[in-house]
Amino acid sequence: MTANLQQYLLSTLNVGSLFDRLAIGFVADKIGRFNVFIVVDFLSDIWILTFWLHDSCPVALIAFAVLFGFFSDA
C-alpha cells in the first residue's frame, strides 16, 4: 500500500458510512431494525472475507473501504 492511499483510506471508509447512516434508518423503519442488522452484519462479513483477506491491489482496498464503511456502520 502506498503512502498516498494510506492517507485517504479512512476518509473513504467514512464516506461510505455517511450514505449508510442516511439509508439504513429509512429501511429499518420499513422492515425492522433487527432484520436490517442481520443483513448488514452478514454483508460486512462477506466484504471482509472477499476483499480484505484475498486482495491487496489499491482498487480492491478502496472498494473494500467504501463497501465495509457502508455496511458496518449500521
C-alpha atoms as a PDB file:
ATOM      1  CA  MET A   1       0.000   0.000   0.000  1.00  0.00           C
ATOM      2  CA  THR A   2       1.353   3.383  -0.906  1.00  0.00           C
ATOM      3  CA  ALA A   3       1.566   6.307   1.489  1.00  0.00           C
ATOM      4  CA  ASN A   4      -0.950   8.286  -0.578  1.00  0.00           C
ATOM      5  CA  LEU A   5      -3.508   5.501  -0.357  1.00  0.00           C
ATOM      6  CA  GLN A   6      -2.955   5.148   3.365  1.00  0.00           C
ATOM      7  CA  GLN A   7      -3.862   8.772   3.946  1.00  0.00           C
ATOM      8  CA  TYR A   8      -7.175   8.586   2.140  1.00  0.00           C
ATOM      9  CA  LEU A   9      -8.410   5.106   3.036  1.00  0.00           C
ATOM     10  CA  LEU A  10     -10.010   6.116   6.340  1.00  0.00           C
ATOM     11  CA  SER A  11     -11.719   9.074   4.686  1.00  0.00           C
ATOM     12  CA  THR A  12     -13.041   6.739   2.008  1.00  0.00           C
ATOM     13  CA  LEU A  13     -14.441   4.442   4.685  1.00  0.00           C
ATOM     14  CA  ASN A  14     -16.174   7.399   6.339  1.00  0.00           C
ATOM     15  CA  VAL A  15     -17.742   8.489   3.033  1.00  0.00           C
ATOM     16  CA  GLY A  16     -19.257   5.023   2.712  1.00  0.00           C
ATOM     17  CA  SER A  17     -20.657   5.254   6.228  1.00  0.00           C
ATOM     18  CA  LEU A  18     -22.237   8.652   5.532  1.00  0.00           C
ATOM     19  CA  PHE A  19     -24.597   7.194   2.941  1.00  0.00           C
ATOM     20  CA  ASP A  20     -25.364   4.257   5.214  1.00  0.00           C
ATOM     21  CA  ARG A  21     -26.498   6.487   8.045  1.00  0.00           C
ATOM     22  CA  LEU A  22     -28.984   8.125   5.722  1.00  0.00           C
ATOM     23  CA  ALA A  23     -30.325   4.972   4.063  1.00  0.00           C
ATOM     24  CA  ILE A  24     -30.443   2.423   6.875  1.00  0.00           C
ATOM     25  CA  GLY A  25     -32.813   4.484   9.024  1.00  0.00           C
ATOM     26  CA  PHE A  26     -35.453   4.501   6.310  1.00  0.00           C
ATOM     27  CA  VAL A  27     -35.012   0.798   5.580  1.00  0.00           C
ATOM     28  CA  ALA A  28     -35.143  -0.095   9.282  1.00  0.00           C
ATOM     29  CA  ASP A  29     -38.459   1.727   9.636  1.00  0.00           C
ATOM     30  CA  LYS A  30     -39.934  -0.424   6.877  1.00  0.00           C
ATOM     31  CA  ILE A  31     -38.620  -3.919   7.704  1.00  0.00           C
ATOM     32  CA  GLY A  32     -37.414  -3.669  11.314  1.00  0.00           C
ATOM     33  CA  ARG A  33     -34.107  -2.800  12.903  1.00  0.00           C
ATOM     34  CA  PHE A  34     -33.073  -6.322  13.873  1.00  0.00           C
ATOM     35  CA  ASN A  35     -33.763  -7.597  10.358  1.00  0.00           C
ATOM     36  CA  VAL A  36     -31.594  -4.813   8.937  1.00  0.00           C
ATOM     37  CA  PHE A  37     -28.893  -5.536  11.498  1.00  0.00           C
ATOM     38  CA  ILE A  38     -28.744  -9.199  10.494  1.00  0.00           C
ATOM     39  CA  VAL A  39     -28.427  -8.328   6.795  1.00  0.00           C
ATOM     40  CA  VAL A  40     -25.732  -5.667   7.207  1.00  0.00           C
ATOM     41  CA  ASP A  41     -23.779  -7.842   9.637  1.00  0.00           C
ATOM     42  CA  PHE A  42     -23.768 -10.676   7.132  1.00  0.00           C
ATOM     43  CA  LEU A  43     -22.718  -8.372   4.288  1.00  0.00           C
ATOM     44  CA  SER A  44     -19.920  -6.823   6.385  1.00  0.00           C
ATOM     45  CA  ASP A  45     -18.529 -10.290   6.989  1.00  0.00           C
ATOM     46  CA  ILE A  46     -18.734 -11.094   3.285  1.00  0.00           C
ATOM     47  CA  TRP A  47     -16.784  -7.940   2.356  1.00  0.00           C
ATOM     48  CA  ILE A  48     -14.065  -8.812   4.868  1.00  0.00           C
ATOM     49  CA  LEU A  49     -13.711 -12.336   3.523  1.00  0.00           C
ATOM     50  CA  THR A  50     -13.739 -11.410  -0.167  1.00  0.00           C
ATOM     51  CA  PHE A  51     -11.822  -8.157  -0.466  1.00  0.00           C
ATOM     52  CA  TRP A  52      -9.624  -7.629   2.534  1.00  0.00           C
ATOM     53  CA  LEU A  53      -8.258 -11.109   3.093  1.00  0.00           C
ATOM     54  CA  HIS A  54      -7.619 -12.064  -0.514  1.00  0.00           C
ATOM     55  CA  ASP A  55      -6.635  -8.986  -2.436  1.00  0.00           C
ATOM     56  CA  SER A  56      -4.215  -6.145  -1.803  1.00  0.00           C
ATOM     57  CA  CYS A  57      -4.363  -4.081  -5.003  1.00  0.00           C
ATOM     58  CA  PRO A  58      -5.331  -0.421  -4.486  1.00  0.00           C
ATOM     59  CA  VAL A  59      -8.655  -0.702  -6.324  1.00  0.00           C
ATOM     60  CA  ALA A  60      -9.748  -3.610  -4.128  1.00  0.00           C
ATOM     61  CA  LEU A  61      -8.728  -1.744  -0.964  1.00  0.00           C
ATOM     62  CA  ILE A  62     -10.770   1.298  -1.988  1.00  0.00           C
ATOM     63  CA  ALA A  63     -13.763  -0.895  -2.854  1.00  0.00           C
ATOM     64  CA  PHE A  64     -13.419  -2.640   0.497  1.00  0.00           C
ATOM     65  CA  ALA A  65     -13.276   0.681   2.350  1.00  0.00           C
ATOM     66  CA  VAL A  66     -16.428   2.016   0.680  1.00  0.00           C
ATOM     67  CA  LEU A  67     -18.451  -1.194   0.986  1.00  0.00           C
ATOM     68  CA  PHE A  68     -17.326  -2.018   4.508  1.00  0.00           C
ATOM     69  CA  GLY A  69     -17.958   1.556   5.602  1.00  0.00           C
ATOM     70  CA  PHE A  70     -21.453   1.368   4.163  1.00  0.00           C
ATOM     71  CA  PHE A  71     -22.437  -1.953   5.707  1.00  0.00           C
ATOM     72  CA  SER A  72     -20.564  -1.865   9.012  1.00  0.00           C
ATOM     73  CA  ASP A  73     -21.932   1.421  10.267  1.00  0.00           C
ATOM     74  CA  ALA A  74     -25.480   0.213  10.859  1.00  0.00           C
END
